[in-house]
Protein backbone atom coordinates (compact mmCIF):
# COMPACT_ATOMS: atom_id res chain seq x y z
CA UNK A 1 156.11 2.80 106.27
CA UNK A 2 153.49 5.01 104.58
CA UNK A 3 152.26 8.07 105.72
CA UNK A 4 148.81 8.91 106.77
CA UNK A 5 146.80 10.65 103.83
CA UNK A 6 146.49 14.22 103.89
CA UNK A 7 143.12 15.58 105.54
CA UNK A 8 140.02 16.33 103.25
CA UNK A 9 140.62 19.98 101.59
CA UNK A 10 136.58 20.31 103.11
CA UNK A 11 134.50 17.77 104.72
CA UNK A 12 130.76 18.42 105.56
CA UNK A 13 129.04 15.78 107.95
CA UNK A 14 125.46 15.44 108.90
CA UNK A 15 124.16 18.56 107.87
CA UNK A 16 120.95 19.65 108.17
CA UNK A 17 119.23 22.95 107.34
CA UNK A 18 115.64 23.91 107.34
CA UNK A 19 113.60 27.28 106.55
CA UNK A 20 110.34 26.85 108.47
CA UNK A 21 108.68 24.01 107.35
CA UNK A 22 110.89 23.61 104.16
CA UNK A 23 113.93 21.01 104.69
CA UNK A 24 116.63 22.30 102.63
CA UNK A 25 119.26 19.71 103.86
CA UNK A 26 118.85 16.71 105.46
CA UNK A 27 121.85 14.79 106.83
CA UNK A 28 123.89 15.34 103.78
CA UNK A 29 127.55 15.08 103.54
CA UNK A 30 130.63 15.80 101.32
CA UNK A 31 134.15 15.12 101.38
CA UNK A 32 136.73 16.77 98.86
CA UNK A 33 139.99 15.57 98.29
CA UNK A 34 143.45 17.69 98.03
CA UNK A 35 143.68 18.47 94.32
CA UNK A 36 140.53 16.76 92.93
CA UNK A 37 137.80 18.25 90.76
CA UNK A 38 134.49 17.39 92.61
CA UNK A 39 131.21 17.51 90.78
CA UNK A 40 128.00 18.29 92.70
CA UNK A 41 124.93 17.61 90.73
CA UNK A 42 121.31 17.36 91.27
CA UNK A 43 117.85 18.67 90.01
CA UNK A 44 116.49 22.28 90.89
CA UNK A 45 115.93 21.88 94.89
CA UNK A 46 118.01 19.17 95.52
CA UNK A 47 119.78 21.31 97.92
CA UNK A 48 122.97 22.21 96.18
CA UNK A 49 122.97 25.79 96.73
CA UNK A 50 122.29 25.62 100.35
CA UNK A 51 125.06 23.70 100.89
CA UNK A 52 127.49 25.85 99.04
CA UNK A 53 126.19 28.64 101.10
CA UNK A 54 127.34 26.79 104.12
CA UNK A 55 130.68 25.80 102.62
CA UNK A 56 131.30 29.51 102.03
CA UNK A 57 130.43 30.80 105.51
CA UNK A 58 127.42 32.74 104.37
CA UNK A 59 125.02 30.80 106.95
CA UNK A 60 125.44 28.04 109.28
CA UNK A 61 123.69 24.69 109.30
CA UNK A 62 121.20 23.77 112.16
CA UNK A 63 123.24 20.44 112.69
CA UNK A 64 126.31 19.20 111.55
CA UNK A 65 129.87 20.04 111.16
CA UNK A 66 132.25 21.81 108.30
CA UNK A 67 136.00 21.31 108.62
CA UNK A 68 138.72 22.46 106.36
CA UNK A 69 142.00 20.55 106.54
CA UNK A 70 140.83 18.87 109.53
CA UNK A 71 139.79 22.15 111.43
CA UNK A 72 136.77 23.37 112.35
CA UNK A 73 135.19 26.14 110.34
CA UNK A 74 135.54 29.73 111.42
CA UNK A 75 132.77 31.60 112.83
CA UNK A 76 130.42 33.30 110.18
CA UNK A 77 131.53 36.74 111.31
CA UNK A 78 135.52 35.79 110.50
CA UNK A 79 135.14 36.71 106.81
CA UNK A 80 138.72 36.97 106.15
CA UNK A 81 139.56 33.53 107.82
CA UNK A 82 136.84 32.19 105.33
CA UNK A 83 138.50 33.75 102.13
CA UNK A 84 141.49 32.13 103.12
CA UNK A 85 140.00 28.73 103.00
CA UNK A 86 137.37 28.98 100.49
CA UNK A 87 136.02 31.17 97.41
CA UNK A 88 132.89 30.46 95.39
CA UNK A 89 132.79 31.63 91.72
CA UNK A 90 129.15 32.31 90.89
CA UNK A 91 127.05 32.06 87.72
CA UNK A 92 126.27 35.83 88.14
CA UNK A 93 129.53 37.82 88.26
CA UNK A 94 130.71 39.86 91.47
CA UNK A 95 133.02 42.02 89.47
CA UNK A 96 132.12 45.48 90.15
CA UNK A 97 132.15 47.10 86.46
CA UNK A 98 132.42 50.49 86.89
CA UNK A 99 135.90 49.92 88.96
CA UNK A 100 138.98 48.69 87.10
CA UNK A 101 140.33 45.30 86.96
CA UNK A 102 143.13 46.13 89.96
CA UNK A 103 140.57 47.74 91.98
CA UNK A 104 138.28 44.66 91.69
CA UNK A 105 141.14 42.59 92.95
CA UNK A 106 142.23 44.85 95.53
CA UNK A 107 138.87 45.77 96.97
CA UNK A 108 138.73 46.84 100.48
CA UNK A 109 142.37 45.91 101.01
CA UNK A 110 143.89 48.91 98.60
CA UNK A 111 147.73 49.43 98.95
CA UNK A 112 148.74 52.89 100.67
CA UNK A 113 151.68 55.03 100.72
CA UNK A 114 153.21 56.98 103.33
CA UNK A 115 150.46 59.44 103.29
CA UNK A 116 147.99 57.06 103.98
CA UNK A 117 146.63 57.76 100.74
CA UNK A 118 145.87 54.51 98.09
CA UNK A 119 148.70 54.32 95.94
CA UNK A 120 147.66 53.81 92.29
CA UNK A 121 151.01 52.80 91.12
CA UNK A 122 151.15 50.32 93.53
CA UNK A 123 147.57 48.93 93.20
CA UNK A 124 148.31 48.49 89.18
CA UNK A 125 151.75 46.89 89.61
CA UNK A 126 150.55 44.39 92.37
CA UNK A 127 147.36 43.66 90.60
CA UNK A 128 149.44 42.76 87.29
CA UNK A 129 151.71 40.84 89.28
CA UNK A 130 148.83 38.55 90.68
CA UNK A 131 147.46 38.06 87.25
CA UNK A 132 150.65 37.18 85.77
CA UNK A 133 151.16 34.58 88.73
CA UNK A 134 147.98 32.98 87.94
CA UNK A 135 148.31 33.34 84.20
CA UNK A 136 145.48 35.68 83.75
CA UNK A 137 146.13 37.64 80.40
CA UNK A 138 144.06 40.80 81.01
CA UNK A 139 145.26 44.43 81.69
CA UNK A 140 144.81 45.35 85.16
CA UNK A 141 144.46 49.16 84.46
CA UNK A 142 141.42 48.21 82.03
CA UNK A 143 137.82 48.82 83.05
CA UNK A 144 136.25 45.66 84.42
CA UNK A 145 132.88 46.52 82.27
CA UNK A 146 135.31 45.62 79.35
CA UNK A 147 135.61 42.13 80.36
CA UNK A 148 133.88 39.40 78.43
CA UNK A 149 132.44 36.60 80.86
CA UNK A 150 135.23 34.18 80.31
CA UNK A 151 137.99 36.85 81.39
CA UNK A 152 135.57 37.89 84.12
CA UNK A 153 135.81 34.43 85.75
CA UNK A 154 139.60 34.48 85.32
CA UNK A 155 139.65 37.33 87.31
CA UNK A 156 137.16 36.39 89.90
CA UNK A 157 139.38 32.98 90.19
CA UNK A 158 142.51 35.15 90.67
CA UNK A 159 141.08 37.36 93.18
CA UNK A 160 139.87 34.34 95.06
CA UNK A 161 143.42 32.79 95.04
CA UNK A 162 144.71 36.03 96.18
CA UNK A 163 143.51 35.61 99.59
CA UNK A 164 145.06 32.28 99.94
CA UNK A 165 142.17 30.00 99.13
CA UNK A 166 143.10 26.91 97.52
CA UNK A 167 139.42 25.53 97.20
CA UNK A 168 137.22 26.88 94.76
CA UNK A 169 133.59 26.55 94.24
CA UNK A 170 132.43 27.16 90.58
CA UNK A 171 128.78 27.47 90.47
CA UNK A 172 127.47 26.65 86.95
CA UNK A 173 130.77 28.54 85.20
CA UNK A 174 129.88 27.27 81.54
CA UNK A 175 126.23 28.48 81.65
CA UNK A 176 127.35 31.70 79.77
CA UNK A 177 130.07 30.54 77.76
CA UNK A 178 130.40 29.07 74.24
CA UNK A 179 132.31 25.85 73.37
CA UNK A 180 136.13 27.41 72.76
CA UNK A 181 135.64 29.46 76.09
CA UNK A 182 134.48 26.06 78.15
CA UNK A 183 137.85 24.27 76.76
CA UNK A 184 139.98 27.30 77.57
CA UNK A 185 138.13 27.31 81.38
CA UNK A 186 138.55 23.57 81.79
CA UNK A 187 142.18 23.90 80.74
CA UNK A 188 142.84 26.51 82.98
CA UNK A 189 141.18 24.46 85.92
CA UNK A 190 143.65 21.53 85.03
CA UNK A 191 146.53 24.08 85.14
CA UNK A 192 145.35 25.20 88.45
CA UNK A 193 145.07 21.45 89.81
CA UNK A 194 148.35 21.06 89.06
CA UNK A 195 149.27 23.66 91.33
CA UNK A 196 147.50 22.67 94.25
CA UNK A 197 143.92 24.34 93.70
CA UNK A 198 141.05 22.27 94.25
CA UNK A 199 137.45 22.42 92.87
CA UNK A 200 134.01 22.01 93.52
CA UNK A 201 132.25 21.85 90.33
CA UNK A 202 128.38 22.29 90.07
CA UNK A 203 126.84 21.71 86.65
CA UNK A 204 123.61 20.88 84.89
CA UNK A 205 125.71 19.43 81.97
CA UNK A 206 126.23 16.13 83.00
CA UNK A 207 128.95 15.73 79.89
CA UNK A 208 130.92 18.26 81.66
CA UNK A 209 131.31 16.10 84.69
CA UNK A 210 132.37 13.42 82.66
CA UNK A 211 135.09 15.78 80.78
CA UNK A 212 136.61 17.27 83.90
CA UNK A 213 135.89 15.89 87.41
CA UNK A 214 137.44 12.95 89.35
CA UNK A 215 134.42 12.13 91.64
CA UNK A 216 130.78 13.40 91.70
CA UNK A 217 128.24 13.75 94.76
CA UNK A 218 124.39 13.28 93.68
CA UNK A 219 122.06 15.25 96.12
CA UNK A 220 118.15 14.53 95.46
CA UNK A 221 115.23 16.00 97.65
CA UNK A 222 117.62 17.60 99.76
CA UNK A 223 119.47 14.20 100.48
CA UNK A 224 122.70 12.57 99.99
CA UNK A 225 122.25 10.13 97.32
CA UNK A 226 125.74 8.79 96.34
CA UNK A 227 129.24 9.85 96.04
CA UNK A 228 131.37 7.86 93.35
CA UNK A 229 134.67 8.25 91.25
CA UNK A 230 133.33 9.48 87.82
CA UNK A 231 135.00 7.01 85.99
CA UNK A 232 133.04 3.89 87.89
CA UNK A 233 129.44 5.46 87.33
CA UNK A 234 128.16 5.18 84.18
CA UNK A 235 125.64 7.92 82.71
CA UNK A 236 122.54 5.88 83.13
CA UNK A 237 123.17 5.39 86.91
CA UNK A 238 124.24 8.99 87.51
CA UNK A 239 120.89 10.28 85.93
CA UNK A 240 118.99 7.32 87.73
CA UNK A 241 120.61 8.73 90.83
CA UNK A 242 119.34 12.40 90.22
CA UNK A 243 115.58 11.25 89.19
CA UNK A 244 115.11 8.75 91.63
CA UNK A 245 114.42 5.84 89.28
CA UNK A 246 116.02 4.59 86.06
CA UNK A 247 112.87 4.17 84.25
CA UNK A 248 109.42 5.77 85.60
CA UNK A 249 106.21 5.76 83.81
CA UNK A 250 104.53 9.02 84.34
CA UNK A 251 101.37 7.41 85.37
CA UNK A 252 99.06 10.51 84.35
CA UNK A 253 96.29 9.56 81.87
CA UNK A 254 97.13 10.93 78.47
CA UNK A 255 94.49 12.44 76.26
CA UNK A 256 94.06 11.20 72.87
CA UNK A 257 95.18 13.36 70.10
CA UNK A 258 95.90 13.31 66.39
CA UNK A 259 99.61 13.64 65.65
CA UNK A 260 101.01 17.23 65.57
CA UNK A 261 101.60 16.72 62.11
CA UNK A 262 97.82 16.41 61.31
CA UNK A 263 97.03 19.85 62.90
CA UNK A 264 96.79 23.09 61.52
CA UNK A 265 99.84 25.41 62.58
CA UNK A 266 99.53 27.95 65.13
CA UNK A 267 103.04 28.45 65.38
CA UNK A 268 105.61 28.03 62.91
CA UNK A 269 109.35 29.30 63.81
CA UNK A 270 112.33 29.22 61.01
CA UNK A 271 115.71 29.60 61.59
CA UNK A 272 115.34 31.80 64.59
CA UNK A 273 118.58 33.19 66.29
CA UNK A 274 119.43 35.45 69.12
CA UNK A 275 122.98 36.26 70.03
CA UNK A 276 124.73 34.31 72.91
CA UNK A 277 120.79 32.58 73.68
CA UNK A 278 120.18 30.40 70.61
CA UNK A 279 120.67 29.67 67.08
CA UNK A 280 118.89 28.53 63.94
CA UNK A 281 115.85 27.07 65.93
CA UNK A 282 112.65 25.96 63.70
CA UNK A 283 109.76 24.31 65.03
CA UNK A 284 106.00 24.14 64.63
CA UNK A 285 102.95 23.77 67.27
CA UNK A 286 99.67 22.61 66.01
CA UNK A 287 96.22 23.74 67.09
CA UNK A 288 95.39 22.14 70.18
CA UNK A 289 98.82 20.64 71.00
CA UNK A 290 100.93 21.61 74.00
CA UNK A 291 104.65 21.50 73.07
CA UNK A 292 107.21 21.42 76.04
CA UNK A 293 110.22 23.41 75.74
CA UNK A 294 112.79 21.79 78.00
CA UNK A 295 116.45 22.38 78.75
CA UNK A 296 118.96 23.92 81.70
CA UNK A 297 118.64 27.57 82.55
CA UNK A 298 121.39 28.22 79.98
CA UNK A 299 119.80 26.13 77.44
CA UNK A 300 118.22 29.18 75.71
CA UNK A 301 114.54 27.80 76.00
CA UNK A 302 113.58 30.90 78.28
CA UNK A 303 114.83 33.63 75.66
CA UNK A 304 113.17 31.59 72.79
CA UNK A 305 109.80 31.68 74.40
CA UNK A 306 110.32 34.94 75.09
CA UNK A 307 110.98 35.99 71.67
CA UNK A 308 108.12 34.53 70.25
CA UNK A 309 105.89 36.11 72.82
CA UNK A 310 107.67 39.48 71.35
CA UNK A 311 109.70 40.11 74.70
CA UNK A 312 112.84 39.88 72.39
CA UNK A 313 114.21 40.91 69.49
CA UNK A 314 115.71 37.97 67.05
CA UNK A 315 118.69 38.95 65.18
CA UNK A 316 117.75 36.32 62.25
CA UNK A 317 114.62 34.07 61.66
CA UNK A 318 110.95 34.19 61.37
CA UNK A 319 108.14 33.94 63.64
CA UNK A 320 104.64 33.41 62.45
CA UNK A 321 101.80 32.86 64.74
CA UNK A 322 98.01 32.01 63.29
CA UNK A 323 98.62 32.85 59.86
CA UNK A 324 100.37 36.64 60.95
CA UNK A 325 103.90 37.58 61.31
CA UNK A 326 103.81 40.24 64.16
CA UNK A 327 106.76 42.69 64.28
CA UNK A 328 109.91 41.23 66.17
CA UNK A 329 110.27 42.40 69.58
CA UNK A 330 106.92 43.64 70.11
CA UNK A 331 104.51 42.23 72.82
CA UNK A 332 101.92 44.46 71.58
CA UNK A 333 102.18 42.74 68.01
CA UNK A 334 102.46 39.65 69.29
CA UNK A 335 99.10 39.93 71.64
CA UNK A 336 97.42 41.24 68.64
CA UNK A 337 98.61 38.02 66.73
CA UNK A 338 96.85 36.07 69.39
CA UNK A 339 99.40 35.05 72.04
CA UNK A 340 98.94 34.62 75.71
CA UNK A 341 101.70 34.93 77.59
CA UNK A 342 102.70 33.91 81.25
CA UNK A 343 106.53 35.20 82.10
CA UNK A 344 108.99 33.80 83.96
CA UNK A 345 108.84 35.77 86.94
CA UNK A 346 105.42 37.01 88.07
CA UNK A 347 106.77 39.29 90.75
CA UNK A 348 108.94 41.36 88.24
CA UNK A 349 107.04 40.50 84.80
CA UNK A 350 103.70 39.00 85.47
CA UNK A 351 101.52 41.74 87.62
CA UNK A 352 101.63 45.30 89.03
CA UNK A 353 101.38 44.43 92.58
CA UNK A 354 99.59 47.73 93.58
CA UNK A 355 96.50 47.34 91.22
CA UNK A 356 93.85 45.63 91.71
CA UNK A 357 92.95 42.08 90.30
CA UNK A 358 90.71 43.47 87.95
CA UNK A 359 93.08 45.99 86.63
CA UNK A 360 95.53 43.42 86.07
CA UNK A 361 93.46 40.89 84.66
CA UNK A 362 92.23 43.14 82.05
CA UNK A 363 95.82 44.89 81.22
CA UNK A 364 95.63 43.34 77.93
CA UNK A 365 91.91 43.68 76.79
CA UNK A 366 91.02 47.55 76.77
CA UNK A 367 88.76 46.83 73.89
CA UNK A 368 86.46 44.18 75.96
CA UNK A 369 86.03 46.73 78.81
CA UNK A 370 85.64 50.12 77.27
CA UNK A 371 83.52 52.29 74.45
CA UNK A 372 84.80 55.19 72.60
CA UNK A 373 87.85 55.30 74.23
CA UNK A 374 86.56 55.32 77.75
CA UNK A 375 86.95 52.44 80.20
CA UNK A 376 83.89 51.14 81.88
CA UNK A 377 84.83 50.04 85.86
CA UNK A 378 81.25 48.24 85.61
CA UNK A 379 82.40 46.04 82.62
CA UNK A 380 85.84 45.72 83.91
CA UNK A 381 84.62 44.29 87.23
CA UNK A 382 82.03 42.13 85.46
CA UNK A 383 84.78 40.78 83.17
CA UNK A 384 87.46 40.37 86.03
CA UNK A 385 84.80 38.36 88.09
CA UNK A 386 84.30 36.04 85.30
CA UNK A 387 87.99 35.41 85.09
CA UNK A 388 88.06 34.85 89.19
CA UNK A 389 85.37 32.39 88.54
CA UNK A 390 87.09 30.48 85.71
CA UNK A 391 90.35 30.54 87.57
CA UNK A 392 89.10 29.73 90.85
CA UNK A 393 91.14 32.85 92.43
CA UNK A 394 90.37 33.14 96.09
CA UNK A 395 89.53 36.77 96.72
CA UNK A 396 86.76 38.69 98.23
CA UNK A 397 86.52 40.75 94.93
CA UNK A 398 88.19 42.28 91.93
CA UNK A 399 89.32 45.30 93.88
CA UNK A 400 91.60 43.20 96.09
CA UNK A 401 95.01 44.75 95.34
CA UNK A 402 97.23 41.77 93.77
CA UNK A 403 100.14 41.84 96.13
CA UNK A 404 97.46 40.73 98.94
CA UNK A 405 96.99 37.40 97.33
CA UNK A 406 99.11 34.14 98.03
CA UNK A 407 101.67 33.16 95.28
CA UNK A 408 99.35 30.68 93.78
CA UNK A 409 96.50 32.94 93.23
CA UNK A 410 98.85 35.54 92.14
CA UNK A 411 99.81 33.10 89.36
CA UNK A 412 96.13 32.48 88.56
CA UNK A 413 95.82 36.39 88.32
CA UNK A 414 98.74 36.11 85.61
CA UNK A 415 97.44 33.22 83.93
CA UNK A 416 93.73 34.80 83.75
CA UNK A 417 95.30 37.77 81.83
CA UNK A 418 96.95 35.68 79.26
CA UNK A 419 93.64 33.85 78.56
CA UNK A 420 91.53 36.92 78.71
CA UNK A 421 91.28 37.24 74.80
CA UNK A 422 91.04 33.85 73.90
CA UNK A 423 94.74 33.24 72.65
CA UNK A 424 95.37 30.86 69.46
CA UNK A 425 98.80 30.45 71.04
CA UNK A 426 99.37 30.25 74.79
CA UNK A 427 103.35 30.74 75.96
CA UNK A 428 104.02 30.12 79.25
CA UNK A 429 107.48 30.21 81.17
CA UNK A 430 107.81 28.00 84.52
CA UNK A 431 104.10 28.10 84.61
CA UNK A 432 103.82 26.58 88.12
CA UNK A 433 106.90 28.03 89.96
CA UNK A 434 106.55 28.71 93.72
CA UNK A 435 102.93 27.46 93.96
CA UNK A 436 101.49 24.89 95.87
CA UNK A 437 100.67 21.31 94.64
CA UNK A 438 97.08 22.17 94.39
CA UNK A 439 97.47 24.92 92.37
CA UNK A 440 99.87 23.62 90.20
CA UNK A 441 97.48 20.97 89.25
CA UNK A 442 94.93 23.62 88.74
CA UNK A 443 97.35 25.73 86.50
CA UNK A 444 98.24 22.68 84.35
CA UNK A 445 94.65 21.53 84.00
CA UNK A 446 93.82 24.68 82.68
CA UNK A 447 96.46 24.64 79.95
CA UNK A 448 94.84 21.46 78.99
CA UNK A 449 91.33 23.04 78.78
CA UNK A 450 93.00 25.66 76.53
CA UNK A 451 94.33 23.30 74.15
CA UNK A 452 91.40 21.44 74.00
CA UNK A 453 89.55 24.13 72.59
CA UNK A 454 91.88 24.41 69.73
CA UNK A 455 94.59 26.82 70.76
CA UNK A 456 98.30 25.86 70.88
CA UNK A 457 100.39 25.85 74.03
CA UNK A 458 104.29 26.29 74.38
CA UNK A 459 105.73 25.46 78.17
CA UNK A 460 108.92 26.59 78.44
CA UNK A 461 110.38 24.63 81.65
CA UNK A 462 112.76 22.50 83.69
CA UNK A 463 110.12 20.80 85.98
CA UNK A 464 109.16 17.22 84.79
CA UNK A 465 105.87 17.85 85.99
CA UNK A 466 105.18 20.89 83.92
CA UNK A 467 106.78 18.55 81.13
CA UNK A 468 104.31 15.88 81.54
CA UNK A 469 101.26 17.32 80.28
CA UNK A 470 102.97 17.86 77.09
CA UNK A 471 102.28 15.91 73.65
CA UNK A 472 105.94 16.04 72.86
CA UNK A 473 108.99 17.96 74.39
CA UNK A 474 111.76 19.87 72.21
CA UNK A 475 115.18 19.87 73.96
CA UNK A 476 117.36 22.49 73.96
CA UNK A 477 121.12 22.41 74.86
CA UNK A 478 123.54 25.30 74.76
CA UNK A 479 121.47 26.95 72.41
CA UNK A 480 120.48 24.74 69.61
CA UNK A 481 117.25 22.25 69.65
CA UNK A 482 118.95 18.95 70.00
CA UNK A 483 116.01 16.05 70.56
CA UNK A 484 112.32 15.93 70.51
CA UNK A 485 110.44 13.17 72.67
CA UNK A 486 107.22 11.95 72.13
CA UNK A 487 104.70 11.91 75.17
CA UNK A 488 105.88 8.66 76.18
CA UNK A 489 109.39 9.84 77.67
CA UNK A 490 110.43 8.55 80.82
CA UNK A 491 112.03 10.89 83.70
CA UNK A 492 115.72 9.33 82.95
CA UNK A 493 115.19 9.91 79.21
CA UNK A 494 114.17 13.65 79.27
CA UNK A 495 116.86 14.53 82.05
CA UNK A 496 119.52 13.18 80.27
CA UNK A 497 118.88 14.90 77.00
CA UNK A 498 118.22 18.27 79.12
CA UNK A 499 121.83 17.34 80.47
CA UNK A 500 123.54 16.80 77.05
CA UNK A 501 124.16 13.29 77.82
CA UNK A 502 123.71 10.27 75.35
CA UNK A 503 122.64 7.38 77.38
CA UNK A 504 123.61 5.22 74.55
CA UNK A 505 127.17 6.26 74.47
């Protein structure tokens, strides 16, 4: 007589979660069997992070149930009970660099001697024993700040296992690792699986799913789409589940333009490298051309765009803008060469919240609003009103502080400043993040309008709607430029390239 199958390590059923009007999860489910490595994939906004926060006890679902080994999940306040069941190793480490490895492993549960004081000898001894048990080759007495990303992850896994958890969520664990470190991580995961540890593996690199995982669950638009054995889900079908259609025409009318090779270049990048970010990148953007830089968060696309705009100092290579070579790592030099820049995070990089719209819009063009070294408030406000009209910024006047605007209007202020000096090259990173649909369309229309006047534009983004406006898209993967897609690309084709998947394999 065959015994009953073991209960799932974790099972979430009919999970719903809303944040005000936003539906984060709608009737989703996932079941992870003992000893497997189960992949959870989906585009940004699919609901992966929300589910992880529920599976790890950081928040409760509005509806639905979570069980561990057949038992209901503990209450949110019982952190020790959650730690015994599940742990998450995040892309951003939770190790405290100012403490030693041993102190991180036993944080808030230090061994004490008879006097009640912390016993450092026992602390080091117990930590070293824990590391040895899970084959982590790290000196327990060393400062955590000396750990590289790979060893930091291994220490976090050992810490999670020390609480008794045998279910580990790995959230983008390879995002900051090189190829050799990824192979070592995967071997460590396989070793731990043989010792009864179960993993939920979240990654934007779909090839890793096929290299490592047994089963895969796909979320799209806050809903469960499919769960299947990896071996039974071909790559094209997995990409189709993530994007919604196997092939989808973009539908938006394309402007008729000359091939990029026939245009005068406004940007030429040659052999550009930045340690741990991207390597030997070469590309060009012609006058009047919009070029996309696509890739996952760890691909290097953002860092490449920031290097072109002068925010980062490259280790090697040359950036030439409109025939000039601005000093590397100098925003001032890039601006003088003709760069207009929309940074990734408007709140921390894009504007000064307490300053007025007028001051924010004119930060980079003091020569337009002053004479003989003195700024003219009249000229400043007149210039700002022109930009407010041009960008359709909803505000009673240029004196309003930017912090009083909506997200979409704040982004318009950032874009207005990028356009203030008539740039030869416009560099935008996630230019429509966190804005409403109408503002998104308006901002992208403004990029097209700028290109129509003869400027070049680079849009670094992983949002397909941003990239649809591009004449061509350069795809980056793990720090290298791996593909170029013409403007008739389809969703499944671009997503596969961004995730490192060869659909012809």
